[in-house]
Amino acid sequence: MDLYALSKGVKSVDYEPEQFPGAIFRIDSPKAVIILFKNGKMICTGTNSEDNIKKVLDYAAKTIAKYVIAVDK
């Protein structure tokens, strides 16, 4: 995942690799924070229900899809 390009393309994403290796994606509705890592793993926090987690992850997947780097195996 190209976290640098993501932080430039999406205003709600902060990426400071000197401070922390993950990008911080703040989502307003439903309120949540997702921490994204270059290897594609993510941590979702701040929601209060399973339904909200699904909404947040669906929104995040659509937003970050064009910043995923394909690797041939």
N, C-alpha and C. Protein backbone atom coordinates (compact mmCIF):
# COMPACT_ATOMS: atom_id res chain seq x y z
N MET A 1 0.85 -1.16 0.00
CA MET A 1 0.00 0.00 0.00
C MET A 1 0.90 1.23 0.00
N ASP A 2 0.58 2.19 -0.83
CA ASP A 2 1.36 3.42 -0.91
C ASP A 2 0.80 4.45 0.08
N LEU A 3 1.30 4.41 1.30
CA LEU A 3 0.78 5.27 2.36
C LEU A 3 1.09 6.75 2.10
N TYR A 4 2.21 7.01 1.45
CA TYR A 4 2.57 8.41 1.15
C TYR A 4 1.55 9.00 0.18
N ALA A 5 1.25 8.30 -0.90
CA ALA A 5 0.26 8.78 -1.88
C ALA A 5 -1.12 8.88 -1.25
N LEU A 6 -1.46 7.93 -0.39
CA LEU A 6 -2.75 7.96 0.30
C LEU A 6 -2.88 9.21 1.15
N SER A 7 -1.82 9.55 1.87
CA SER A 7 -1.88 10.74 2.74
C SER A 7 -1.98 12.02 1.93
N LYS A 8 -1.43 12.03 0.72
CA LYS A 8 -1.52 13.21 -0.14
C LYS A 8 -2.88 13.29 -0.82
N GLY A 9 -3.49 12.14 -1.13
CA GLY A 9 -4.76 12.11 -1.85
C GLY A 9 -6.00 12.20 -0.98
N VAL A 10 -5.89 11.81 0.28
CA VAL A 10 -7.04 11.79 1.18
C VAL A 10 -6.73 12.69 2.37
N LYS A 11 -7.49 13.76 2.53
CA LYS A 11 -7.20 14.75 3.57
C LYS A 11 -7.31 14.21 4.99
N SER A 12 -8.12 13.19 5.21
CA SER A 12 -8.30 12.67 6.56
C SER A 12 -7.27 11.61 6.95
N VAL A 13 -6.23 11.45 6.12
CA VAL A 13 -5.16 10.49 6.42
C VAL A 13 -3.89 11.24 6.76
N ASP A 14 -3.31 10.91 7.91
CA ASP A 14 -2.03 11.49 8.35
C ASP A 14 -0.97 10.39 8.29
N TYR A 15 0.17 10.73 7.68
CA TYR A 15 1.26 9.75 7.60
C TYR A 15 2.58 10.47 7.86
N GLU A 16 3.20 10.13 8.96
CA GLU A 16 4.49 10.68 9.36
C GLU A 16 5.42 9.49 9.63
N PRO A 17 6.07 8.95 8.60
CA PRO A 17 6.87 7.73 8.79
C PRO A 17 8.02 7.88 9.78
N GLU A 18 8.48 9.11 10.01
CA GLU A 18 9.55 9.33 10.99
C GLU A 18 9.03 9.13 12.41
N GLN A 19 7.73 9.36 12.60
CA GLN A 19 7.11 9.26 13.93
C GLN A 19 6.52 7.88 14.21
N PHE A 20 5.85 7.32 13.17
CA PHE A 20 5.11 6.06 13.34
C PHE A 20 4.99 5.39 11.97
N PRO A 21 5.17 4.05 11.88
CA PRO A 21 5.18 3.39 10.57
C PRO A 21 3.82 3.24 9.90
N GLY A 22 2.75 3.61 10.56
CA GLY A 22 1.41 3.47 9.98
C GLY A 22 0.77 4.81 9.68
N ALA A 23 -0.19 4.78 8.75
CA ALA A 23 -0.97 5.97 8.43
C ALA A 23 -2.23 5.95 9.29
N ILE A 24 -2.63 7.12 9.75
CA ILE A 24 -3.81 7.24 10.61
C ILE A 24 -4.94 7.84 9.79
N PHE A 25 -6.01 7.08 9.62
CA PHE A 25 -7.17 7.45 8.82
C PHE A 25 -8.32 7.73 9.77
N ARG A 26 -8.69 8.99 9.92
CA ARG A 26 -9.78 9.38 10.81
C ARG A 26 -11.08 9.48 10.02
N ILE A 27 -12.09 8.77 10.47
CA ILE A 27 -13.39 8.74 9.79
C ILE A 27 -14.41 9.38 10.73
N ASP A 28 -15.20 10.30 10.17
CA ASP A 28 -16.15 11.07 10.99
C ASP A 28 -17.47 10.35 11.25
N SER A 29 -18.00 9.65 10.23
CA SER A 29 -19.32 9.04 10.41
C SER A 29 -19.36 7.65 9.82
N PRO A 30 -19.53 6.61 10.60
CA PRO A 30 -19.48 6.61 12.06
C PRO A 30 -18.07 6.89 12.55
N LYS A 31 -17.97 7.48 13.69
CA LYS A 31 -16.68 7.94 14.22
C LYS A 31 -15.76 6.73 14.48
N ALA A 32 -14.58 6.78 13.86
CA ALA A 32 -13.61 5.69 14.01
C ALA A 32 -12.24 6.15 13.55
N VAL A 33 -11.24 5.39 13.90
CA VAL A 33 -9.87 5.61 13.44
C VAL A 33 -9.34 4.27 12.93
N ILE A 34 -8.71 4.31 11.76
CA ILE A 34 -8.09 3.11 11.21
C ILE A 34 -6.60 3.41 11.06
N ILE A 35 -5.79 2.50 11.55
CA ILE A 35 -4.34 2.61 11.37
C ILE A 35 -3.98 1.63 10.25
N LEU A 36 -3.38 2.16 9.19
CA LEU A 36 -3.03 1.38 8.01
C LEU A 36 -1.53 1.17 7.93
N PHE A 37 -1.12 -0.02 7.56
CA PHE A 37 0.30 -0.33 7.41
C PHE A 37 0.60 -0.69 5.96
N LYS A 38 1.86 -0.57 5.56
CA LYS A 38 2.27 -0.81 4.18
C LYS A 38 1.95 -2.22 3.70
N ASN A 39 1.96 -3.18 4.59
CA ASN A 39 1.71 -4.57 4.19
C ASN A 39 0.22 -4.87 4.01
N GLY A 40 -0.64 -3.85 4.21
CA GLY A 40 -2.08 -4.02 4.01
C GLY A 40 -2.87 -4.31 5.27
N LYS A 41 -2.17 -4.54 6.36
CA LYS A 41 -2.88 -4.79 7.61
C LYS A 41 -3.42 -3.48 8.16
N MET A 42 -4.52 -3.60 8.92
CA MET A 42 -5.10 -2.39 9.51
C MET A 42 -5.69 -2.71 10.88
N ILE A 43 -5.78 -1.66 11.68
CA ILE A 43 -6.38 -1.74 13.00
C ILE A 43 -7.51 -0.72 13.02
N CYS A 44 -8.71 -1.17 13.40
CA CYS A 44 -9.87 -0.28 13.47
C CYS A 44 -10.23 -0.09 14.94
N THR A 45 -10.38 1.16 15.35
CA THR A 45 -10.71 1.43 16.74
C THR A 45 -11.67 2.61 16.83
N GLY A 46 -12.36 2.70 17.95
CA GLY A 46 -13.21 3.85 18.21
C GLY A 46 -14.68 3.67 17.91
N THR A 47 -15.07 2.53 17.33
CA THR A 47 -16.49 2.31 17.06
C THR A 47 -17.11 1.55 18.22
N ASN A 48 -18.44 1.54 18.24
CA ASN A 48 -19.10 0.92 19.39
C ASN A 48 -20.01 -0.24 19.02
N SER A 49 -20.04 -0.64 17.74
CA SER A 49 -20.88 -1.78 17.37
C SER A 49 -20.29 -2.48 16.15
N GLU A 50 -20.67 -3.71 15.98
CA GLU A 50 -20.20 -4.50 14.85
C GLU A 50 -20.72 -3.91 13.54
N ASP A 51 -21.94 -3.39 13.55
CA ASP A 51 -22.52 -2.75 12.36
C ASP A 51 -21.69 -1.54 11.93
N ASN A 52 -21.27 -0.73 12.89
CA ASN A 52 -20.44 0.44 12.57
C ASN A 52 -19.07 0.03 12.04
N ILE A 53 -18.53 -1.06 12.56
CA ILE A 53 -17.24 -1.55 12.07
C ILE A 53 -17.37 -1.92 10.59
N LYS A 54 -18.44 -2.60 10.23
CA LYS A 54 -18.66 -2.98 8.84
C LYS A 54 -18.76 -1.75 7.95
N LYS A 55 -19.50 -0.73 8.41
CA LYS A 55 -19.65 0.51 7.63
C LYS A 55 -18.29 1.20 7.45
N VAL A 56 -17.53 1.28 8.52
CA VAL A 56 -16.22 1.94 8.48
C VAL A 56 -15.28 1.20 7.54
N LEU A 57 -15.23 -0.12 7.64
CA LEU A 57 -14.32 -0.89 6.80
C LEU A 57 -14.74 -0.86 5.33
N ASP A 58 -16.03 -0.84 5.04
CA ASP A 58 -16.50 -0.71 3.66
C ASP A 58 -16.08 0.64 3.08
N TYR A 59 -16.28 1.70 3.86
CA TYR A 59 -15.89 3.04 3.42
C TYR A 59 -14.37 3.12 3.21
N ALA A 60 -13.62 2.57 4.14
CA ALA A 60 -12.15 2.61 4.03
C ALA A 60 -11.68 1.82 2.81
N ALA A 61 -12.26 0.66 2.57
CA ALA A 61 -11.85 -0.16 1.43
C ALA A 61 -12.08 0.58 0.12
N LYS A 62 -13.20 1.27 -0.01
CA LYS A 62 -13.48 2.04 -1.23
C LYS A 62 -12.51 3.21 -1.37
N THR A 63 -12.19 3.84 -0.27
CA THR A 63 -11.33 5.02 -0.29
C THR A 63 -9.88 4.67 -0.62
N ILE A 64 -9.38 3.58 -0.06
CA ILE A 64 -7.96 3.26 -0.22
C ILE A 64 -7.67 2.31 -1.38
N ALA A 65 -8.68 1.82 -2.07
CA ALA A 65 -8.50 0.80 -3.12
C ALA A 65 -7.50 1.23 -4.19
N LYS A 66 -7.51 2.48 -4.60
CA LYS A 66 -6.61 2.89 -5.68
C LYS A 66 -5.17 3.11 -5.22
N TYR A 67 -4.92 2.98 -3.92
CA TYR A 67 -3.56 3.14 -3.40
C TYR A 67 -2.89 1.80 -3.07
N VAL A 68 -3.56 0.71 -3.40
CA VAL A 68 -3.00 -0.62 -3.16
C VAL A 68 -2.05 -0.96 -4.30
N ILE A 69 -0.88 -1.42 -3.96
CA ILE A 69 0.13 -1.79 -4.96
C ILE A 69 0.08 -3.29 -5.17
N ALA A 70 -0.17 -3.72 -6.40
CA ALA A 70 -0.24 -5.16 -6.71
C ALA A 70 1.17 -5.73 -6.78
N VAL A 71 1.35 -6.90 -6.22
CA VAL A 71 2.63 -7.59 -6.25
C VAL A 71 2.42 -8.94 -6.92
N ASP A 72 3.16 -9.20 -7.97
CA ASP A 72 3.07 -10.49 -8.66
C ASP A 72 3.83 -11.54 -7.88
N LYS A 73 3.23 -12.73 -7.78
CA LYS A 73 3.88 -13.83 -7.04
C LYS A 73 4.33 -14.90 -8.00
